[in-house]
């Protein structure tokens, strides 16, 4: 299983970013995928998940601001983040649900 997240960066409060995660080494189309994040000094936490069929669910802290989508043809999952706040600063990882595979994360920093 290989997972490579990208698209992070520095953004001002209220801004947007779109993260991508390229997957390989497993049958992506039948796999539920998740996004997690880990802020400095904190435990990794779930941001949200998307089922193989496209059903999504989100942590309360990001509901209404973040959107997860997937493209099975590209074996990729995406995280659209809007109205970003400083508390969203973290390293973001994608995950194949039911596994401990998180791959390399991408840093998101929200700061003015």
PDB file of N, CA and C in Angstrom:
ATOM      1  N   UNK A   1       0.851  -1.193   0.000  1.00  0.00           N
ATOM      2  CA  UNK A   1       0.000   0.000   0.000  1.00  0.00           C
ATOM      3  C   UNK A   1       0.886   1.242   0.000  1.00  0.00           C
ATOM      4  N   UNK A   2       0.632   2.117  -0.962  1.00  0.00           N
ATOM      5  CA  UNK A   2       1.357   3.395  -0.996  1.00  0.00           C
ATOM      6  C   UNK A   2       0.351   4.527  -1.097  1.00  0.00           C
ATOM      7  N   UNK A   3       0.557   5.537  -0.249  1.00  0.00           N
ATOM      8  CA  UNK A   3      -0.311   6.699  -0.211  1.00  0.00           C
ATOM      9  C   UNK A   3       0.559   7.949  -0.181  1.00  0.00           C
ATOM     10  N   UNK A   4       0.310   8.861  -1.073  1.00  0.00           N
ATOM     11  CA  UNK A   4       1.116  10.076  -1.177  1.00  0.00           C
ATOM     12  C   UNK A   4       0.192  11.288  -1.202  1.00  0.00           C
ATOM     13  N   UNK A   5       0.211  12.017  -0.110  1.00  0.00           N
ATOM     14  CA  UNK A   5      -0.599  13.236  -0.028  1.00  0.00           C
ATOM     15  C   UNK A   5       0.198  14.426  -0.546  1.00  0.00           C
ATOM     16  N   UNK A   6      -0.489  15.368  -1.151  1.00  0.00           N
ATOM     17  CA  UNK A   6       0.145  16.573  -1.676  1.00  0.00           C
ATOM     18  C   UNK A   6      -0.851  17.720  -1.673  1.00  0.00           C
ATOM     19  N   UNK A   7      -0.335  18.931  -1.915  1.00  0.00           N
ATOM     20  CA  UNK A   7      -1.205  20.087  -2.036  1.00  0.00           C
ATOM     21  C   UNK A   7      -1.215  21.011  -0.844  1.00  0.00           C
ATOM     22  N   UNK A   8      -0.472  20.678   0.180  1.00  0.00           N
ATOM     23  CA  UNK A   8      -0.423  21.523   1.366  1.00  0.00           C
ATOM     24  C   UNK A   8       0.347  22.798   1.106  1.00  0.00           C
ATOM     25  N   UNK A   9       0.316  23.680   2.101  1.00  0.00           N
ATOM     26  CA  UNK A   9       1.035  24.937   1.972  1.00  0.00           C
ATOM     27  C   UNK A   9       0.624  25.910   3.046  1.00  0.00           C
ATOM     28  N   UNK A  10       1.023  27.151   2.844  1.00  0.00           N
ATOM     29  CA  UNK A  10       0.688  28.233   3.764  1.00  0.00           C
ATOM     30  C   UNK A  10      -0.491  29.020   3.196  1.00  0.00           C
ATOM     31  N   UNK A  11      -1.502  29.232   4.002  1.00  0.00           N
ATOM     32  CA  UNK A  11      -2.687  29.961   3.556  1.00  0.00           C
ATOM     33  C   UNK A  11      -3.166  30.867   4.682  1.00  0.00           C
ATOM     34  N   UNK A  12      -3.762  31.992   4.313  1.00  0.00           N
ATOM     35  CA  UNK A  12      -4.284  32.916   5.312  1.00  0.00           C
ATOM     36  C   UNK A  12      -5.617  32.422   5.860  1.00  0.00           C
ATOM     37  N   UNK A  13      -5.950  32.812   7.069  1.00  0.00           N
ATOM     38  CA  UNK A  13      -7.275  32.453   7.613  1.00  0.00           C
ATOM     39  C   UNK A  13      -8.386  32.868   6.655  1.00  0.00           C
ATOM     40  N   UNK A  14      -9.335  31.977   6.492  1.00  0.00           N
ATOM     41  CA  UNK A  14     -10.425  32.199   5.554  1.00  0.00           C
ATOM     42  C   UNK A  14     -10.148  31.684   4.154  1.00  0.00           C
ATOM     43  N   UNK A  15      -8.926  31.257   3.915  1.00  0.00           N
ATOM     44  CA  UNK A  15      -8.550  30.772   2.595  1.00  0.00           C
ATOM     45  C   UNK A  15      -8.918  29.320   2.360  1.00  0.00           C
ATOM     46  N   UNK A  16      -8.520  28.821   1.192  1.00  0.00           N
ATOM     47  CA  UNK A  16      -8.852  27.456   0.776  1.00  0.00           C
ATOM     48  C   UNK A  16      -7.619  26.727   0.266  1.00  0.00           C
ATOM     49  N   UNK A  17      -7.663  25.429   0.406  1.00  0.00           N
ATOM     50  CA  UNK A  17      -6.654  24.544  -0.171  1.00  0.00           C
ATOM     51  C   UNK A  17      -7.342  23.266  -0.611  1.00  0.00           C
ATOM     52  N   UNK A  18      -6.773  22.622  -1.595  1.00  0.00           N
ATOM     53  CA  UNK A  18      -7.257  21.314  -2.033  1.00  0.00           C
ATOM     54  C   UNK A  18      -6.103  20.330  -1.952  1.00  0.00           C
ATOM     55  N   UNK A  19      -6.273  19.334  -1.111  1.00  0.00           N
ATOM     56  CA  UNK A  19      -5.277  18.284  -0.973  1.00  0.00           C
ATOM     57  C   UNK A  19      -5.634  17.106  -1.865  1.00  0.00           C
ATOM     58  N   UNK A  20      -4.600  16.434  -2.344  1.00  0.00           N
ATOM     59  CA  UNK A  20      -4.777  15.233  -3.151  1.00  0.00           C
ATOM     60  C   UNK A  20      -4.007  14.092  -2.514  1.00  0.00           C
ATOM     61  N   UNK A  21      -4.479  12.896  -2.748  1.00  0.00           N
ATOM     62  CA  UNK A  21      -3.782  11.702  -2.275  1.00  0.00           C
ATOM     63  C   UNK A  21      -3.815  10.664  -3.389  1.00  0.00           C
ATOM     64  N   UNK A  22      -2.637  10.288  -3.847  1.00  0.00           N
ATOM     65  CA  UNK A  22      -2.512   9.261  -4.873  1.00  0.00           C
ATOM     66  C   UNK A  22      -2.268   7.925  -4.202  1.00  0.00           C
ATOM     67  N   UNK A  23      -3.042   6.928  -4.591  1.00  0.00           N
ATOM     68  CA  UNK A  23      -2.971   5.608  -3.973  1.00  0.00           C
ATOM     69  C   UNK A  23      -2.503   4.559  -4.963  1.00  0.00           C
ATOM     70  N   UNK A  24      -1.818   3.552  -4.449  1.00  0.00           N
ATOM     71  CA  UNK A  24      -1.405   2.424  -5.276  1.00  0.00           C
ATOM     72  C   UNK A  24      -1.162   1.222  -4.377  1.00  0.00           C
ATOM     73  N   UNK A  25      -1.126   0.064  -4.993  1.00  0.00           N
ATOM     74  CA  UNK A  25      -0.819  -1.153  -4.250  1.00  0.00           C
ATOM     75  C   UNK A  25      -2.024  -1.881  -3.691  1.00  0.00           C
ATOM     76  N   UNK A  26      -3.222  -1.393  -3.995  1.00  0.00           N
ATOM     77  CA  UNK A  26      -4.438  -2.086  -3.565  1.00  0.00           C
ATOM     78  C   UNK A  26      -5.570  -1.683  -4.510  1.00  0.00           C
ATOM     79  N   UNK A  27      -6.692  -2.358  -4.371  1.00  0.00           N
ATOM     80  CA  UNK A  27      -7.823  -2.075  -5.264  1.00  0.00           C
ATOM     81  C   UNK A  27      -8.548  -0.856  -4.728  1.00  0.00           C
ATOM     82  N   UNK A  28      -8.233   0.285  -5.300  1.00  0.00           N
ATOM     83  CA  UNK A  28      -8.727   1.556  -4.776  1.00  0.00           C
ATOM     84  C   UNK A  28     -10.246   1.662  -4.870  1.00  0.00           C
ATOM     85  N   UNK A  29     -10.809   1.196  -5.957  1.00  0.00           N
ATOM     86  CA  UNK A  29     -12.227   1.445  -6.232  1.00  0.00           C
ATOM     87  C   UNK A  29     -13.158   0.811  -5.202  1.00  0.00           C
ATOM     88  N   UNK A  30     -12.695  -0.207  -4.503  1.00  0.00           N
ATOM     89  CA  UNK A  30     -13.554  -0.866  -3.515  1.00  0.00           C
ATOM     90  C   UNK A  30     -13.140  -0.536  -2.084  1.00  0.00           C
ATOM     91  N   UNK A  31     -12.255   0.432  -1.954  1.00  0.00           N
ATOM     92  CA  UNK A  31     -11.705   0.781  -0.639  1.00  0.00           C
ATOM     93  C   UNK A  31     -12.276   2.095  -0.131  1.00  0.00           C
ATOM     94  N   UNK A  32     -12.700   2.072   1.133  1.00  0.00           N
ATOM     95  CA  UNK A  32     -13.035   3.328   1.789  1.00  0.00           C
ATOM     96  C   UNK A  32     -11.735   4.046   2.147  1.00  0.00           C
ATOM     97  N   UNK A  33     -11.781   5.362   2.029  1.00  0.00           N
ATOM     98  CA  UNK A  33     -10.583   6.164   2.278  1.00  0.00           C
ATOM     99  C   UNK A  33     -10.883   7.239   3.321  1.00  0.00           C
ATOM    100  N   UNK A  34      -9.848   7.630   4.039  1.00  0.00           N
ATOM    101  CA  UNK A  34     -10.030   8.654   5.049  1.00  0.00           C
ATOM    102  C   UNK A  34      -8.926   9.683   5.001  1.00  0.00           C
ATOM    103  N   UNK A  35      -9.234  10.843   5.559  1.00  0.00           N
ATOM    104  CA  UNK A  35      -8.236  11.878   5.786  1.00  0.00           C
ATOM    105  C   UNK A  35      -8.092  12.079   7.296  1.00  0.00           C
ATOM    106  N   UNK A  36      -6.851  12.166   7.724  1.00  0.00           N
ATOM    107  CA  UNK A  36      -6.525  12.421   9.119  1.00  0.00           C
ATOM    108  C   UNK A  36      -5.604  13.635   9.186  1.00  0.00           C
ATOM    109  N   UNK A  37      -5.466  14.182  10.362  1.00  0.00           N
ATOM    110  CA  UNK A  37      -4.512  15.267  10.555  1.00  0.00           C
ATOM    111  C   UNK A  37      -3.890  15.161  11.934  1.00  0.00           C
ATOM    112  N   UNK A  38      -2.687  15.691  12.037  1.00  0.00           N
ATOM    113  CA  UNK A  38      -1.987  15.690  13.313  1.00  0.00           C
ATOM    114  C   UNK A  38      -1.322  17.043  13.512  1.00  0.00           C
ATOM    115  N   UNK A  39      -1.787  17.746  14.521  1.00  0.00           N
ATOM    116  CA  UNK A  39      -1.215  19.040  14.865  1.00  0.00           C
ATOM    117  C   UNK A  39      -0.047  18.831  15.823  1.00  0.00           C
ATOM    118  N   UNK A  40       0.863  19.783  15.901  1.00  0.00           N
ATOM    119  CA  UNK A  40       2.006  19.651  16.811  1.00  0.00           C
ATOM    120  C   UNK A  40       1.561  19.405  18.247  1.00  0.00           C
ATOM    121  N   UNK A  41       2.123  18.362  18.853  1.00  0.00           N
ATOM    122  CA  UNK A  41       1.820  18.058  20.239  1.00  0.00           C
ATOM    123  C   UNK A  41       0.484  17.397  20.482  1.00  0.00           C
ATOM    124  N   UNK A  42      -0.212  17.057  19.396  1.00  0.00           N
ATOM    125  CA  UNK A  42      -1.538  16.432  19.537  1.00  0.00           C
ATOM    126  C   UNK A  42      -1.570  15.082  18.841  1.00  0.00           C
ATOM    127  N   UNK A  43      -2.576  14.301  19.198  1.00  0.00           N
ATOM    128  CA  UNK A  43      -2.751  13.008  18.550  1.00  0.00           C
ATOM    129  C   UNK A  43      -3.364  13.178  17.170  1.00  0.00           C
ATOM    130  N   UNK A  44      -3.112  12.204  16.343  1.00  0.00           N
ATOM    131  CA  UNK A  44      -3.720  12.201  15.026  1.00  0.00           C
ATOM    132  C   UNK A  44      -5.232  12.070  15.183  1.00  0.00           C
ATOM    133  N   UNK A  45      -5.982  12.842  14.400  1.00  0.00           N
ATOM    134  CA  UNK A  45      -7.434  12.799  14.494  1.00  0.00           C
ATOM    135  C   UNK A  45      -8.055  12.634  13.116  1.00  0.00           C
ATOM    136  N   UNK A  46      -9.222  12.039  13.118  1.00  0.00           N
ATOM    137  CA  UNK A  46      -9.952  11.817  11.878  1.00  0.00           C
ATOM    138  C   UNK A  46     -10.563  13.125  11.391  1.00  0.00           C
ATOM    139  N   UNK A  47     -10.374  13.415  10.122  1.00  0.00           N
ATOM    140  CA  UNK A  47     -11.017  14.567   9.486  1.00  0.00           C
ATOM    141  C   UNK A  47     -12.317  14.123   8.825  1.00  0.00           C
ATOM    142  N   UNK A  48     -12.259  13.030   8.103  1.00  0.00           N
ATOM    143  CA  UNK A  48     -13.445  12.521   7.441  1.00  0.00           C
ATOM    144  C   UNK A  48     -13.122  11.295   6.620  1.00  0.00           C
ATOM    145  N   UNK A  49     -14.188  10.651   6.129  1.00  0.00           N
ATOM    146  CA  UNK A  49     -14.028   9.440   5.335  1.00  0.00           C
ATOM    147  C   UNK A  49     -14.960   9.494   4.136  1.00  0.00           C
ATOM    148  N   UNK A  50     -14.610   8.696   3.143  1.00  0.00           N
ATOM    149  CA  UNK A  50     -15.479   8.502   1.993  1.00  0.00           C
ATOM    150  C   UNK A  50     -15.528   7.013   1.701  1.00  0.00           C
ATOM    151  N   UNK A  51     -16.723   6.502   1.538  1.00  0.00           N
ATOM    152  CA  UNK A  51     -16.881   5.080   1.254  1.00  0.00           C
ATOM    153  C   UNK A  51     -16.548   4.787  -0.199  1.00  0.00           C
ATOM    154  N   UNK A  52     -16.505   3.511  -0.538  1.00  0.00           N
ATOM    155  CA  UNK A  52     -16.265   3.130  -1.924  1.00  0.00           C
ATOM    156  C   UNK A  52     -17.366   3.679  -2.831  1.00  0.00           C
ATOM    157  N   UNK A  53     -18.549   3.801  -2.290  1.00  0.00           N
ATOM    158  CA  UNK A  53     -19.680   4.300  -3.070  1.00  0.00           C
ATOM    159  C   UNK A  53     -19.820   5.812  -3.063  1.00  0.00           C
ATOM    160  N   UNK A  54     -18.945   6.497  -2.301  1.00  0.00           N
ATOM    161  CA  UNK A  54     -18.970   7.956  -2.316  1.00  0.00           C
ATOM    162  C   UNK A  54     -19.670   8.609  -1.144  1.00  0.00           C
ATOM    163  N   UNK A  55     -20.145   7.833  -0.204  1.00  0.00           N
ATOM    164  CA  UNK A  55     -20.765   8.410   0.984  1.00  0.00           C
ATOM    165  C   UNK A  55     -19.684   8.991   1.898  1.00  0.00           C
ATOM    166  N   UNK A  56     -19.936  10.198   2.376  1.00  0.00           N
ATOM    167  CA  UNK A  56     -18.942  10.877   3.204  1.00  0.00           C
ATOM    168  C   UNK A  56     -19.450  11.129   4.615  1.00  0.00           C
ATOM    169  N   UNK A  57     -18.521  11.217   5.532  1.00  0.00           N
ATOM    170  CA  UNK A  57     -18.825  11.708   6.870  1.00  0.00           C
ATOM    171  C   UNK A  57     -17.617  12.473   7.377  1.00  0.00           C
ATOM    172  N   UNK A  58     -17.888  13.432   8.283  1.00  0.00           N
ATOM    173  CA  UNK A  58     -16.860  14.372   8.703  1.00  0.00           C
ATOM    174  C   UNK A  58     -16.849  14.574  10.207  1.00  0.00           C
ATOM    175  N   UNK A  59     -15.687  14.962  10.703  1.00  0.00           N
ATOM    176  CA  UNK A  59     -15.600  15.396  12.090  1.00  0.00           C
ATOM    177  C   UNK A  59     -16.396  16.691  12.249  1.00  0.00           C
ATOM    178  N   UNK A  60     -16.955  16.877  13.423  1.00  0.00           N
ATOM    179  CA  UNK A  60     -17.762  18.075  13.664  1.00  0.00           C
ATOM    180  C   UNK A  60     -16.960  19.353  13.422  1.00  0.00           C
ATOM    181  N   UNK A  61     -15.674  19.290  13.707  1.00  0.00           N
ATOM    182  CA  UNK A  61     -14.832  20.492  13.611  1.00  0.00           C
ATOM    183  C   UNK A  61     -14.657  20.986  12.174  1.00  0.00           C
ATOM    184  N   UNK A  62     -14.921  20.133  11.191  1.00  0.00           N
ATOM    185  CA  UNK A  62     -14.710  20.532   9.794  1.00  0.00           C
ATOM    186  C   UNK A  62     -15.993  20.468   8.973  1.00  0.00           C
ATOM    187  N   UNK A  63     -17.055  19.999   9.573  1.00  0.00           N
ATOM    188  CA  UNK A  63     -18.314  19.826   8.848  1.00  0.00           C
ATOM    189  C   UNK A  63     -18.783  21.165   8.287  1.00  0.00           C
ATOM    190  N   UNK A  64     -19.144  21.157   7.015  1.00  0.00           N
ATOM    191  CA  UNK A  64     -19.591  22.376   6.366  1.00  0.00           C
ATOM    192  C   UNK A  64     -18.467  23.197   5.741  1.00  0.00           C
ATOM    193  N   UNK A  65     -17.231  22.868   6.083  1.00  0.00           N
ATOM    194  CA  UNK A  65     -16.083  23.599   5.520  1.00  0.00           C
ATOM    195  C   UNK A  65     -15.230  22.721   4.617  1.00  0.00           C
ATOM    196  N   UNK A  66     -15.139  21.432   4.949  1.00  0.00           N
ATOM    197  CA  UNK A  66     -14.293  20.506   4.194  1.00  0.00           C
ATOM    198  C   UNK A  66     -15.167  19.538   3.395  1.00  0.00           C
ATOM    199  N   UNK A  67     -14.662  19.132   2.230  1.00  0.00           N
ATOM    200  CA  UNK A  67     -15.370  18.179   1.381  1.00  0.00           C
ATOM    201  C   UNK A  67     -14.389  17.147   0.847  1.00  0.00           C
ATOM    202  N   UNK A  68     -14.744  15.875   1.025  1.00  0.00           N
ATOM    203  CA  UNK A  68     -13.926  14.776   0.508  1.00  0.00           C
ATOM    204  C   UNK A  68     -14.574  14.240  -0.761  1.00  0.00           C
ATOM    205  N   UNK A  69     -13.746  13.976  -1.749  1.00  0.00           N
ATOM    206  CA  UNK A  69     -14.221  13.370  -2.996  1.00  0.00           C
ATOM    207  C   UNK A  69     -13.178  12.364  -3.467  1.00  0.00           C
ATOM    208  N   UNK A  70     -13.555  11.594  -4.466  1.00  0.00           N
ATOM    209  CA  UNK A  70     -12.634  10.591  -4.996  1.00  0.00           C
ATOM    210  C   UNK A  70     -12.792  10.467  -6.490  1.00  0.00           C
ATOM    211  N   UNK A  71     -11.718  10.007  -7.128  1.00  0.00           N
ATOM    212  CA  UNK A  71     -11.716   9.718  -8.561  1.00  0.00           C
ATOM    213  C   UNK A  71     -11.119   8.329  -8.707  1.00  0.00           C
ATOM    214  N   UNK A  72     -11.964   7.342  -8.901  1.00  0.00           N
ATOM    215  CA  UNK A  72     -11.468   5.964  -8.960  1.00  0.00           C
ATOM    216  C   UNK A  72     -10.576   5.728 -10.178  1.00  0.00           C
ATOM    217  N   UNK A  73     -10.850   6.401 -11.257  1.00  0.00           N
ATOM    218  CA  UNK A  73     -10.030   6.233 -12.460  1.00  0.00           C
ATOM    219  C   UNK A  73      -8.589   6.703 -12.214  1.00  0.00           C
ATOM    220  N   UNK A  74      -8.449   7.719 -11.388  1.00  0.00           N
ATOM    221  CA  UNK A  74      -7.127   8.243 -11.074  1.00  0.00           C
ATOM    222  C   UNK A  74      -6.574   7.679  -9.766  1.00  0.00           C
ATOM    223  N   UNK A  75      -7.349   6.803  -9.127  1.00  0.00           N
ATOM    224  CA  UNK A  75      -6.931   6.212  -7.845  1.00  0.00           C
ATOM    225  C   UNK A  75      -6.515   7.311  -6.870  1.00  0.00           C
ATOM    226  N   UNK A  76      -7.367   8.299  -6.770  1.00  0.00           N
ATOM    227  CA  UNK A  76      -7.043   9.451  -5.933  1.00  0.00           C
ATOM    228  C   UNK A  76      -8.226   9.865  -5.087  1.00  0.00           C
ATOM    229  N   UNK A  77      -7.906  10.419  -3.932  1.00  0.00           N
ATOM    230  CA  UNK A  77      -8.916  10.988  -3.054  1.00  0.00           C
ATOM    231  C   UNK A  77      -8.498  12.425  -2.757  1.00  0.00           C
ATOM    232  N   UNK A  78      -9.492  13.295  -2.582  1.00  0.00           N
ATOM    233  CA  UNK A  78      -9.232  14.718  -2.452  1.00  0.00           C
ATOM    234  C   UNK A  78      -9.873  15.271  -1.182  1.00  0.00           C
ATOM    235  N   UNK A  79      -9.291  16.333  -0.693  1.00  0.00           N
ATOM    236  CA  UNK A  79      -9.854  17.042   0.453  1.00  0.00           C
ATOM    237  C   UNK A  79      -9.881  18.532   0.123  1.00  0.00           C
ATOM    238  N   UNK A  80     -11.075  19.037  -0.149  1.00  0.00           N
ATOM    239  CA  UNK A  80     -11.255  20.459  -0.395  1.00  0.00           C
ATOM    240  C   UNK A  80     -11.499  21.134   0.949  1.00  0.00           C
ATOM    241  N   UNK A  81     -10.654  22.089   1.288  1.00  0.00           N
ATOM    242  CA  UNK A  81     -10.751  22.764   2.579  1.00  0.00           C
ATOM    243  C   UNK A  81     -11.032  24.248   2.361  1.00  0.00           C
ATOM    244  N   UNK A  82     -12.157  24.694   2.859  1.00  0.00           N
ATOM    245  CA  UNK A  82     -12.554  26.095   2.742  1.00  0.00           C
ATOM    246  C   UNK A  82     -12.640  26.722   4.134  1.00  0.00           C
ATOM    247  N   UNK A  83     -12.658  28.037   4.155  1.00  0.00           N
ATOM    248  CA  UNK A  83     -12.767  28.781   5.432  1.00  0.00           C
ATOM    249  C   UNK A  83     -11.758  28.262   6.452  1.00  0.00           C
ATOM    250  N   UNK A  84     -10.533  28.124   6.024  1.00  0.00           N
ATOM    251  CA  UNK A  84      -9.499  27.576   6.905  1.00  0.00           C
ATOM    252  C   UNK A  84      -9.213  28.507   8.072  1.00  0.00           C
ATOM    253  N   UNK A  85      -8.944  27.880   9.209  1.00  0.00           N
ATOM    254  CA  UNK A  85      -8.652  28.612  10.431  1.00  0.00           C
ATOM    255  C   UNK A  85      -7.308  28.161  11.003  1.00  0.00           C
ATOM    256  N   UNK A  86      -6.684  28.963  11.842  1.00  0.00           N
ATOM    257  CA  UNK A  86      -5.381  28.560  12.405  1.00  0.00           C
ATOM    258  C   UNK A  86      -5.412  27.192  13.079  1.00  0.00           C
ATOM    259  N   UNK A  87      -6.535  26.821  13.665  1.00  0.00           N
ATOM    260  CA  UNK A  87      -6.628  25.514  14.322  1.00  0.00           C
ATOM    261  C   UNK A  87      -6.649  24.354  13.344  1.00  0.00           C
ATOM    262  N   UNK A  88      -6.731  24.652  12.056  1.00  0.00           N
ATOM    263  CA  UNK A  88      -6.643  23.601  11.036  1.00  0.00           C
ATOM    264  C   UNK A  88      -5.184  23.284  10.686  1.00  0.00           C
ATOM    265  N   UNK A  89      -4.250  24.032  11.224  1.00  0.00           N
ATOM    266  CA  UNK A  89      -2.838  23.788  10.967  1.00  0.00           C
ATOM    267  C   UNK A  89      -2.440  22.406  11.464  1.00  0.00           C
ATOM    268  N   UNK A  90      -1.881  21.602  10.574  1.00  0.00           N
ATOM    269  CA  UNK A  90      -1.528  20.225  10.900  1.00  0.00           C
ATOM    270  C   UNK A  90      -0.861  19.585   9.688  1.00  0.00           C
ATOM    271  N   UNK A  91      -0.320  18.411   9.918  1.00  0.00           N
ATOM    272  CA  UNK A  91       0.086  17.554   8.805  1.00  0.00           C
ATOM    273  C   UNK A  91      -1.117  16.676   8.469  1.00  0.00           C
ATOM    274  N   UNK A  92      -1.496  16.665   7.217  1.00  0.00           N
ATOM    275  CA  UNK A  92      -2.665  15.916   6.760  1.00  0.00           C
ATOM    276  C   UNK A  92      -2.218  14.639   6.047  1.00  0.00           C
ATOM    277  N   UNK A  93      -2.890  13.543   6.401  1.00  0.00           N
ATOM    278  CA  UNK A  93      -2.579  12.224   5.850  1.00  0.00           C
ATOM    279  C   UNK A  93      -3.840  11.603   5.253  1.00  0.00           C
ATOM    280  N   UNK A  94      -3.657  10.810   4.221  1.00  0.00           N
ATOM    281  CA  UNK A  94      -4.769   9.975   3.771  1.00  0.00           C
ATOM    282  C   UNK A  94      -4.523   8.551   4.258  1.00  0.00           C
ATOM    283  N   UNK A  95      -5.595   7.804   4.285  1.00  0.00           N
ATOM    284  CA  UNK A  95      -5.558   6.479   4.899  1.00  0.00           C
ATOM    285  C   UNK A  95      -6.532   5.566   4.202  1.00  0.00           C
ATOM    286  N   UNK A  96      -6.126   4.334   4.020  1.00  0.00           N
ATOM    287  CA  UNK A  96      -7.063   3.314   3.567  1.00  0.00           C
ATOM    288  C   UNK A  96      -7.771   2.801   4.825  1.00  0.00           C
ATOM    289  N   UNK A  97      -9.073   2.996   4.885  1.00  0.00           N
ATOM    290  CA  UNK A  97      -9.833   2.652   6.076  1.00  0.00           C
ATOM    291  C   UNK A  97      -9.646   1.185   6.428  1.00  0.00           C
ATOM    292  N   UNK A  98      -9.401   0.922   7.706  1.00  0.00           N
ATOM    293  CA  UNK A  98      -9.220  -0.436   8.179  1.00  0.00           C
ATOM    294  C   UNK A  98      -7.778  -0.886   8.194  1.00  0.00           C
ATOM    295  N   UNK A  99      -6.885   0.016   7.809  1.00  0.00           N
ATOM    296  CA  UNK A  99      -5.457  -0.291   7.823  1.00  0.00           C
ATOM    297  C   UNK A  99      -4.716   0.787   8.596  1.00  0.00           C
ATOM    298  N   UNK A 100      -3.454   0.500   8.863  1.00  0.00           N
ATOM    299  CA  UNK A 100      -2.604   1.473   9.552  1.00  0.00           C
ATOM    300  C   UNK A 100      -1.681   2.187   8.571  1.00  0.00           C
ATOM    301  N   UNK A 101      -2.073   2.162   7.299  1.00  0.00           N
ATOM    302  CA  UNK A 101      -1.263   2.798   6.262  1.00  0.00           C
ATOM    303  C   UNK A 101      -1.692   4.245   6.088  1.00  0.00           C
ATOM    304  N   UNK A 102      -0.775   5.176   6.387  1.00  0.00           N
ATOM    305  CA  UNK A 102      -1.068   6.600   6.258  1.00  0.00           C
ATOM    306  C   UNK A 102      -0.210   7.293   5.222  1.00  0.00           C
ATOM    307  N   UNK A 103       0.883   6.695   4.871  1.00  0.00           N
ATOM    308  CA  UNK A 103       1.740   7.315   3.864  1.00  0.00           C
ATOM    309  C   UNK A 103       2.349   8.616   4.333  1.00  0.00           C
ATOM    310  N   UNK A 104       2.918   9.319   3.363  1.00  0.00           N
ATOM    311  CA  UNK A 104       3.555  10.595   3.655  1.00  0.00           C
ATOM    312  C   UNK A 104       2.514  11.696   3.654  1.00  0.00           C
ATOM    313  N   UNK A 105       2.516  12.499   4.693  1.00  0.00           N
ATOM    314  CA  UNK A 105       1.536  13.561   4.813  1.00  0.00           C
ATOM    315  C   UNK A 105       1.971  14.836   4.125  1.00  0.00           C
ATOM    316  N   UNK A 106       1.099  15.834   4.201  1.00  0.00           N
ATOM    317  CA  UNK A 106       1.401  17.136   3.633  1.00  0.00           C
ATOM    318  C   UNK A 106       1.059  18.207   4.669  1.00  0.00           C
ATOM    319  N   UNK A 107       1.939  19.182   4.810  1.00  0.00           N
ATOM    320  CA  UNK A 107       1.777  20.203   5.837  1.00  0.00           C
ATOM    321  C   UNK A 107       0.822  21.298   5.379  1.00  0.00           C
ATOM    322  N   UNK A 108      -0.120  21.607   6.239  1.00  0.00           N
ATOM    323  CA  UNK A 108      -1.025  22.734   6.015  1.00  0.00           C
ATOM    324  C   UNK A 108      -0.821  23.714   7.167  1.00  0.00           C
ATOM    325  N   UNK A 109      -0.501  24.946   6.819  1.00  0.00           N
ATOM    326  CA  UNK A 109      -0.305  25.979   7.822  1.00  0.00           C
ATOM    327  C   UNK A 109      -1.244  27.139   7.521  1.00  0.00           C
ATOM    328  N   UNK A 110      -2.058  27.485   8.504  1.00  0.00           N
ATOM    329  CA  UNK A 110      -3.003  28.592   8.347  1.00  0.00           C
ATOM    330  C   UNK A 110      -2.546  29.719   9.265  1.00  0.00           C
ATOM    331  N   UNK A 111      -2.106  30.788   8.655  1.00  0.00           N
ATOM    332  CA  UNK A 111      -1.549  31.883   9.430  1.00  0.00           C
ATOM    333  C   UNK A 111      -1.575  33.166   8.625  1.00  0.00           C
ATOM    334  N   UNK A 112      -1.739  34.264   9.320  1.00  0.00           N
ATOM    335  CA  UNK A 112      -1.689  35.561   8.656  1.00  0.00           C
ATOM    336  C   UNK A 112      -0.270  36.126   8.723  1.00  0.00           C
TER     337      UNK A 112
END
